[in-house]
C-alpha atoms as a PDB file:
ATOM      1  CA  MET A   1      82.373 101.923  76.570  1.00  0.00           C
ATOM      2  CA  THR A   2      83.911 104.901  74.946  1.00  0.00           C
ATOM      3  CA  ASP A   3      80.750 107.019  75.870  1.00  0.00           C
ATOM      4  CA  ALA A   4      81.907 106.592  79.760  1.00  0.00           C
ATOM      5  CA  ILE A   5      85.156 107.797  79.138  1.00  0.00           C
ATOM      6  CA  ASN A   6      83.756 110.996  76.804  1.00  0.00           C
ATOM      7  CA  ARG A   7      81.666 111.920  79.581  1.00  0.00           C
ATOM      8  CA  CYS A   8      84.711 112.235  82.159  1.00  0.00           C
ATOM      9  CA  SER A   9      86.281 115.585  82.743  1.00  0.00           C
ATOM     10  CA  ALA A  10      89.804 114.159  82.809  1.00  0.00           C
ATOM     11  CA  SER A  11      91.957 113.457  79.948  1.00  0.00           C
ATOM     12  CA  GLU A  12      91.723 109.870  79.420  1.00  0.00           C
ATOM     13  CA  THR A  13      92.900 107.346  76.593  1.00  0.00           C
ATOM     14  CA  ALA A  14      90.552 105.136  75.473  1.00  0.00           C
ATOM     15  CA  ALA A  15      92.698 102.009  74.961  1.00  0.00           C
ATOM     16  CA  CYS A  16      93.822 101.943  78.727  1.00  0.00           C
ATOM     17  CA  CYS A  17      91.233 104.107  80.776  1.00  0.00           C
ATOM     18  CA  CYS A  18      94.487 106.148  81.729  1.00  0.00           C
ATOM     19  CA  VAL A  19      94.342 109.424  83.319  1.00  0.00           C
ATOM     20  CA  ASP A  20      96.840 112.106  82.054  1.00  0.00           C
ATOM     21  CA  VAL A  21      99.023 113.080  85.473  1.00  0.00           C
ATOM     22  CA  GLY A  22      98.844 116.697  84.416  1.00  0.00           C
ATOM     23  CA  THR A  23      94.797 116.197  85.254  1.00  0.00           C
ATOM     24  CA  VAL A  24      95.527 115.136  88.631  1.00  0.00           C
ATOM     25  CA  MET A  25      98.558 117.088  89.552  1.00  0.00           C
ATOM     26  CA  ASP A  26      98.252 120.455  88.068  1.00  0.00           C
ATOM     27  CA  ASN A  27     101.193 121.977  90.220  1.00  0.00           C
ATOM     28  CA  THR A  28      98.804 124.165  92.256  1.00  0.00           C
ATOM     29  CA  ASP A  29      99.120 122.630  95.709  1.00  0.00           C
ATOM     30  CA  CYS A  30     102.856 122.828  96.561  1.00  0.00           C
ATOM     31  CA  THR A  31     102.738 123.138 100.360  1.00  0.00           C
ATOM     32  CA  ALA A  32     102.338 120.347 102.811  1.00  0.00           C
ATOM     33  CA  ALA A  33     101.600 121.529 106.576  1.00  0.00           C
ATOM     34  CA  CYS A  34     101.891 120.080 109.943  1.00  0.00           C
ATOM     35  CA  ASN A  35     100.030 120.813 113.170  1.00  0.00           C
ATOM     36  CA  ARG A  36     100.702 118.667 116.000  1.00  0.00           C
ATOM     37  CA  THR A  37     101.097 119.026 119.897  1.00  0.00           C
ATOM     38  CA  PHE A  38     104.291 117.775 121.975  1.00  0.00           C
ATOM     39  CA  ALA A  39     104.872 117.319 125.482  1.00  0.00           C
ATOM     40  CA  ASN A  40     107.939 119.502 125.695  1.00  0.00           C
ATOM     41  CA  ARG A  41     109.859 121.884 123.055  1.00  0.00           C
ATOM     42  CA  SER A  42     112.605 119.706 122.618  1.00  0.00           C
ATOM     43  CA  GLU A  43     110.159 116.934 121.514  1.00  0.00           C
ATOM     44  CA  ALA A  44     109.050 119.239 119.087  1.00  0.00           C
ATOM     45  CA  GLU A  45     112.133 120.397 117.630  1.00  0.00           C
ATOM     46  CA  ALA A  46     113.246 116.755 116.880  1.00  0.00           C
ATOM     47  CA  MET A  47     110.012 116.474 114.815  1.00  0.00           C
ATOM     48  CA  LEU A  48     110.998 119.544 113.224  1.00  0.00           C
ATOM     49  CA  THR A  49     114.478 118.446 112.381  1.00  0.00           C
ATOM     50  CA  SER A  50     113.276 115.190 111.447  1.00  0.00           C
ATOM     51  CA  LEU A  51     110.774 116.417 108.849  1.00  0.00           C
ATOM     52  CA  THR A  52     112.911 119.377 107.453  1.00  0.00           C
ATOM     53  CA  ALA A  53     115.639 116.233 106.734  1.00  0.00           C
ATOM     54  CA  LYS A  54     113.286 114.535 104.709  1.00  0.00           C
ATOM     55  CA  ALA A  55     112.202 117.407 102.898  1.00  0.00           C
ATOM     56  CA  ARG A  56     115.781 118.060 102.075  1.00  0.00           C
ATOM     57  CA  GLU A  57     116.102 114.596 100.648  1.00  0.00           C
ATOM     58  CA  VAL A  58     112.880 115.066  98.299  1.00  0.00           C
ATOM     59  CA  GLU A  59     113.566 118.855  97.047  1.00  0.00           C
ATOM     60  CA  SER A  60     115.195 119.868  93.622  1.00  0.00           C
ATOM     61  CA  ASP A  61     115.203 123.424  94.719  1.00  0.00           C
ATOM     62  CA  PRO A  62     115.561 124.590  98.116  1.00  0.00           C
ATOM     63  CA  CYS A  63     112.273 123.991 100.018  1.00  0.00           C
ATOM     64  CA  ALA A  64     110.581 127.034 101.765  1.00  0.00           C
ATOM     65  CA  ILE A  65     110.170 125.948 105.536  1.00  0.00           C
ATOM     66  CA  ASP A  66     108.412 128.104 107.797  1.00  0.00           C
ATOM     67  CA  SER A  67     107.673 126.881 111.609  1.00  0.00           C
ATOM     68  CA  THR A  68     106.492 128.143 114.959  1.00  0.00           C
ATOM     69  CA  PHE A  69     106.267 126.702 118.448  1.00  0.00           C
ATOM     70  CA  THR A  70     103.507 127.699 120.637  1.00  0.00           C
ATOM     71  CA  GLU A  71     103.356 127.060 124.068  1.00  0.00           C
ATOM     72  CA  THR A  72      99.949 125.688 125.299  1.00  0.00           C
ATOM     73  CA  PRO A  73      98.587 124.069 128.685  1.00  0.00           C
ATOM     74  CA  GLU A  74      98.449 120.894 126.855  1.00  0.00           C
ATOM     75  CA  GLY A  75     102.256 121.132 125.535  1.00  0.00           C
ATOM     76  CA  VAL A  76     104.108 122.837 122.863  1.00  0.00           C
ATOM     77  CA  VAL A  77     102.181 123.082 119.236  1.00  0.00           C
ATOM     78  CA  LEU A  78     104.494 122.772 116.305  1.00  0.00           C
ATOM     79  CA  ASP A  79     102.866 124.488 113.279  1.00  0.00           C
ATOM     80  CA  CYS A  80     105.065 124.247 110.162  1.00  0.00           C
ATOM     81  CA  SER A  81     104.563 124.254 106.673  1.00  0.00           C
ATOM     82  CA  PHE A  82     106.880 122.784 103.709  1.00  0.00           C
ATOM     83  CA  THR A  83     106.824 124.621 100.262  1.00  0.00           C
ATOM     84  CA  PHE A  84     108.275 122.679  97.286  1.00  0.00           C
ATOM     85  CA  SER A  85     108.724 123.860  93.941  1.00  0.00           C
ATOM     86  CA  CYS A  86     106.806 121.570  92.139  1.00  0.00           C
ATOM     87  CA  GLN A  87     103.574 119.495  93.727  1.00  0.00           C
ATOM     88  CA  ALA A  88     105.651 116.007  92.659  1.00  0.00           C
ATOM     89  CA  GLU A  89     107.913 116.846  95.390  1.00  0.00           C
ATOM     90  CA  THR A  90     105.076 117.746  97.927  1.00  0.00           C
ATOM     91  CA  LEU A  91     103.132 114.546  97.128  1.00  0.00           C
ATOM     92  CA  ILE A  92     106.843 112.561  97.283  1.00  0.00           C
ATOM     93  CA  PHE A  93     107.431 113.973 100.771  1.00  0.00           C
ATOM     94  CA  GLN A  94     104.002 113.413 102.052  1.00  0.00           C
ATOM     95  CA  LEU A  95     104.001 109.525 101.248  1.00  0.00           C
ATOM     96  CA  GLY A  96     107.456 109.367 102.631  1.00  0.00           C
ATOM     97  CA  LEU A  97     105.783 110.466 105.794  1.00  0.00           C
ATOM     98  CA  ARG A  98     103.335 107.433 105.937  1.00  0.00           C
END
């Protein structure tokens, strides 16, 4: 059984087959992005307001929020990104949206 653990590239503990969190979360992916089409601008703005409130609940340092609204024949496209100070906050934010 230990041979399987030794062949794994992740840092694992032989006693419990656990993976070190630093192996999975290396703090390189701190941005969550959203791209969605709404019937009108007010719906898109309401979604951005809701997402911003959720990001503010998670952040330890101010989250950088970038957003654009684009008018299309299908409606208004909200394209936004939320960049947190660490990957854990990004993950918590994304899981909170499910």
